Amino acid sequence: MEWIGTVAAVFTTASFLPQAIKTIRTKDTSGISLWMYAMFCFGILLWTTYGIIIKDNPIIFSNLITSLFAWTVLVYKIRNTIKKD
């Protein structure tokens, strides 16, 4: 049954790639919620920690990769928010 978790991890992780690519290319974060991404990044940190505690590789690796994408978008959003103020 671990394969279900692995497939789910691949899809949910890959779903953030288009947003990260678009944000990096356009630098436009106007349609992105700062608080949603901040809470999401914190949630990913907790999921990664949980995966480490229970020694579940699909949870660990998928959340580490998703974290890279989500933190990238969050950093762009924070930079754009600061520039506007």
C-alpha atoms as a PDB file:
ATOM      1  CA  MET A   1       0.000   0.000   0.000  1.00  0.00           C
ATOM      2  CA  GLU A   2       2.981   2.331   0.257  1.00  0.00           C
ATOM      3  CA  TRP A   3       2.779   2.771  -3.520  1.00  0.00           C
ATOM      4  CA  ILE A   4      -0.459   4.735  -3.061  1.00  0.00           C
ATOM      5  CA  GLY A   5       1.377   7.196  -0.818  1.00  0.00           C
ATOM      6  CA  THR A   6       4.215   7.411  -3.299  1.00  0.00           C
ATOM      7  CA  VAL A   7       1.892   8.117  -6.248  1.00  0.00           C
ATOM      8  CA  ALA A   8      -0.039  10.683  -4.195  1.00  0.00           C
ATOM      9  CA  ALA A   9       3.246  12.324  -3.195  1.00  0.00           C
ATOM     10  CA  VAL A  10       4.395  12.546  -6.821  1.00  0.00           C
ATOM     11  CA  PHE A  11       1.154  14.205  -7.933  1.00  0.00           C
ATOM     12  CA  THR A  12       0.855  16.661  -5.060  1.00  0.00           C
ATOM     13  CA  THR A  13       4.521  17.582  -5.295  1.00  0.00           C
ATOM     14  CA  ALA A  14       4.419  18.008  -9.072  1.00  0.00           C
ATOM     15  CA  SER A  15       1.336  20.215  -8.774  1.00  0.00           C
ATOM     16  CA  PHE A  16       3.480  23.014  -7.305  1.00  0.00           C
ATOM     17  CA  LEU A  17       6.027  22.999 -10.101  1.00  0.00           C
ATOM     18  CA  PRO A  18       3.928  25.010 -12.618  1.00  0.00           C
ATOM     19  CA  GLN A  19       3.267  27.762 -10.048  1.00  0.00           C
ATOM     20  CA  ALA A  20       6.936  27.944  -9.072  1.00  0.00           C
ATOM     21  CA  ILE A  21       8.041  28.110 -12.726  1.00  0.00           C
ATOM     22  CA  LYS A  22       5.443  30.779 -13.556  1.00  0.00           C
ATOM     23  CA  THR A  23       6.406  32.852 -10.526  1.00  0.00           C
ATOM     24  CA  ILE A  24      10.115  32.644 -11.302  1.00  0.00           C
ATOM     25  CA  ARG A  25       9.573  33.543 -14.968  1.00  0.00           C
ATOM     26  CA  THR A  26       7.090  36.383 -14.516  1.00  0.00           C
ATOM     27  CA  LYS A  27       7.978  37.546 -10.986  1.00  0.00           C
ATOM     28  CA  ASP A  28       4.214  38.190 -10.668  1.00  0.00           C
ATOM     29  CA  THR A  29       2.725  37.154  -7.344  1.00  0.00           C
ATOM     30  CA  SER A  30      -0.302  39.445  -7.339  1.00  0.00           C
ATOM     31  CA  GLY A  31      -2.746  36.537  -7.467  1.00  0.00           C
ATOM     32  CA  ILE A  32      -1.054  34.601  -4.687  1.00  0.00           C
ATOM     33  CA  SER A  33      -2.084  34.798  -1.048  1.00  0.00           C
ATOM     34  CA  LEU A  34       0.837  35.532   1.265  1.00  0.00           C
ATOM     35  CA  TRP A  35      -0.877  33.969   4.267  1.00  0.00           C
ATOM     36  CA  MET A  36      -1.915  30.841   2.383  1.00  0.00           C
ATOM     37  CA  TYR A  37       1.646  30.179   1.237  1.00  0.00           C
ATOM     38  CA  ALA A  38       3.081  31.015   4.674  1.00  0.00           C
ATOM     39  CA  MET A  39       0.702  28.569   6.375  1.00  0.00           C
ATOM     40  CA  PHE A  40       1.318  25.983   3.667  1.00  0.00           C
ATOM     41  CA  CYS A  41       5.098  26.207   4.093  1.00  0.00           C
ATOM     42  CA  PHE A  42       4.723  25.776   7.853  1.00  0.00           C
ATOM     43  CA  GLY A  43       2.460  22.770   7.245  1.00  0.00           C
ATOM     44  CA  ILE A  44       5.037  21.235   4.920  1.00  0.00           C
ATOM     45  CA  LEU A  45       7.671  21.699   7.607  1.00  0.00           C
ATOM     46  CA  LEU A  46       5.437  19.822  10.053  1.00  0.00           C
ATOM     47  CA  TRP A  47       4.718  17.042   7.539  1.00  0.00           C
ATOM     48  CA  THR A  48       8.433  16.644   6.886  1.00  0.00           C
ATOM     49  CA  THR A  49       9.102  16.473  10.618  1.00  0.00           C
ATOM     50  CA  TYR A  50       6.341  13.899  11.016  1.00  0.00           C
ATOM     51  CA  GLY A  51       7.777  11.830   8.158  1.00  0.00           C
ATOM     52  CA  ILE A  52      11.197  11.876   9.793  1.00  0.00           C
ATOM     53  CA  ILE A  53       9.730  10.801  13.145  1.00  0.00           C
ATOM     54  CA  ILE A  54       7.847   7.842  11.636  1.00  0.00           C
ATOM     55  CA  LYS A  55      10.616   7.127   9.100  1.00  0.00           C
ATOM     56  CA  ASP A  56       8.316   7.349   6.059  1.00  0.00           C
ATOM     57  CA  ASN A  57      10.357   8.121   2.946  1.00  0.00           C
ATOM     58  CA  PRO A  58       7.454   9.136   0.656  1.00  0.00           C
ATOM     59  CA  ILE A  59       6.322  11.713   3.225  1.00  0.00           C
ATOM     60  CA  ILE A  60       9.856  12.965   3.839  1.00  0.00           C
ATOM     61  CA  PHE A  61      11.004  13.306   0.243  1.00  0.00           C
ATOM     62  CA  SER A  62       7.763  14.601  -1.252  1.00  0.00           C
ATOM     63  CA  ASN A  63       7.510  17.301   1.387  1.00  0.00           C
ATOM     64  CA  LEU A  64      11.154  18.283   1.035  1.00  0.00           C
ATOM     65  CA  ILE A  65      10.680  18.757  -2.708  1.00  0.00           C
ATOM     66  CA  THR A  66       7.322  20.513  -2.304  1.00  0.00           C
ATOM     67  CA  SER A  67       8.984  22.723   0.282  1.00  0.00           C
ATOM     68  CA  LEU A  68      11.538  23.901  -2.263  1.00  0.00           C
ATOM     69  CA  PHE A  69       8.795  24.917  -4.692  1.00  0.00           C
ATOM     70  CA  ALA A  70       6.514  26.482  -2.086  1.00  0.00           C
ATOM     71  CA  TRP A  71       9.289  28.402  -0.299  1.00  0.00           C
ATOM     72  CA  THR A  72      10.461  29.748  -3.662  1.00  0.00           C
ATOM     73  CA  VAL A  73       6.999  31.136  -4.375  1.00  0.00           C
ATOM     74  CA  LEU A  74       6.703  32.462  -0.814  1.00  0.00           C
ATOM     75  CA  VAL A  75      10.037  34.287  -1.034  1.00  0.00           C
ATOM     76  CA  TYR A  76       8.970  35.944  -4.293  1.00  0.00           C
ATOM     77  CA  LYS A  77       5.641  36.918  -2.707  1.00  0.00           C
ATOM     78  CA  ILE A  78       7.350  38.421   0.338  1.00  0.00           C
ATOM     79  CA  ARG A  79       9.805  40.365  -1.842  1.00  0.00           C
ATOM     80  CA  ASN A  80       6.975  41.714  -3.996  1.00  0.00           C
ATOM     81  CA  THR A  81       4.944  42.646  -0.927  1.00  0.00           C
ATOM     82  CA  ILE A  82       7.876  44.539   0.593  1.00  0.00           C
ATOM     83  CA  LYS A  83       8.524  46.398  -2.686  1.00  0.00           C
ATOM     84  CA  LYS A  84       4.911  47.638  -2.765  1.00  0.00           C
ATOM     85  CA  ASP A  85       5.087  49.087   0.752  1.00  0.00           C
END
